[in-house]
Amino acid sequence: MLDPMARRTSPDIPADLRARLETARLDLLALFRALDRMNLTPQQIPQRLLRQLFELDADYVEALWGLD
């Protein structure tokens, strides 16, 4: 009987995907920290673009979770 919790592997998933996603998340975190340190007002930061960055971070988290 197949174990439903067995880790699936696929030739379509690059072996270094986890490392690349983690690096991208760290880069995004650095960007968030830099923006925070600039003491900008919400009017000075394009809110639509900021929302897209948060969505990108959520996508990275979901992809990392999916790899587990």
Protein backbone atom coordinates (compact mmCIF):
# COMPACT_ATOMS: atom_id res chain seq x y z
CA MET A 1 0.00 0.00 0.00
CA LEU A 2 1.30 3.46 -0.86
CA ASP A 3 2.03 5.84 1.99
CA PRO A 4 -0.04 9.04 1.37
CA MET A 5 2.46 11.02 3.44
CA ALA A 6 5.45 9.87 1.40
CA ARG A 7 7.42 12.73 -0.07
CA ARG A 8 6.72 13.15 -3.76
CA THR A 9 9.50 13.94 -6.15
CA SER A 10 9.15 15.24 -9.64
CA PRO A 11 11.72 15.79 -12.35
CA ASP A 12 10.00 19.14 -13.04
CA ILE A 13 10.97 20.55 -9.62
CA PRO A 14 14.57 21.84 -9.54
CA ALA A 15 16.67 20.31 -6.79
CA ASP A 16 17.68 23.75 -5.52
CA LEU A 17 14.15 25.19 -5.46
CA ARG A 18 13.97 25.35 -1.65
CA ALA A 19 17.26 27.24 -1.41
CA ARG A 20 16.17 29.65 -4.16
CA LEU A 21 12.82 30.32 -2.47
CA GLU A 22 14.47 30.86 0.92
CA THR A 23 16.99 33.26 -0.64
CA ALA A 24 14.19 35.16 -2.37
CA ARG A 25 12.30 35.46 0.93
CA LEU A 26 15.39 36.79 2.68
CA ASP A 27 15.91 39.32 -0.09
CA LEU A 28 12.29 40.40 0.20
CA LEU A 29 12.63 40.70 3.98
CA ALA A 30 15.69 42.92 3.47
CA LEU A 31 13.65 45.10 1.13
CA PHE A 32 10.85 45.41 3.71
CA ARG A 33 13.38 46.34 6.40
CA ALA A 34 15.00 48.95 4.15
CA LEU A 35 11.60 50.49 3.38
CA ASP A 36 10.78 50.55 7.07
CA ARG A 37 14.04 52.30 7.95
CA MET A 38 13.40 55.01 5.37
CA ASN A 39 10.52 56.32 7.52
CA LEU A 40 8.35 56.92 4.48
CA THR A 41 4.70 57.85 4.77
CA PRO A 42 2.09 55.59 3.13
CA GLN A 43 1.64 58.28 0.49
CA GLN A 44 5.32 57.96 -0.45
CA ILE A 45 5.11 54.21 -0.99
CA PRO A 46 2.92 52.97 -3.85
CA GLN A 47 0.43 50.88 -1.89
CA ARG A 48 -0.47 48.72 -4.89
CA LEU A 49 3.18 47.72 -5.29
CA LEU A 50 3.59 47.12 -1.57
CA ARG A 51 0.54 44.84 -1.63
CA GLN A 52 2.10 42.94 -4.54
CA LEU A 53 5.26 42.41 -2.47
CA PHE A 54 3.21 41.00 0.41
CA GLU A 55 1.43 38.68 -2.02
CA LEU A 56 4.78 37.56 -3.42
CA ASP A 57 5.99 36.77 0.10
CA ALA A 58 2.81 34.76 0.72
CA ASP A 59 3.44 32.86 -2.51
CA TYR A 60 6.98 32.02 -1.36
CA VAL A 61 5.63 30.76 1.97
CA GLU A 62 3.02 28.63 0.26
CA ALA A 63 5.61 27.17 -2.12
CA LEU A 64 7.94 26.34 0.78
CA TRP A 65 5.07 24.77 2.68
CA GLY A 66 4.18 22.73 -0.38
CA LEU A 67 7.74 21.41 -0.59
CA ASP A 68 7.46 20.07 2.96
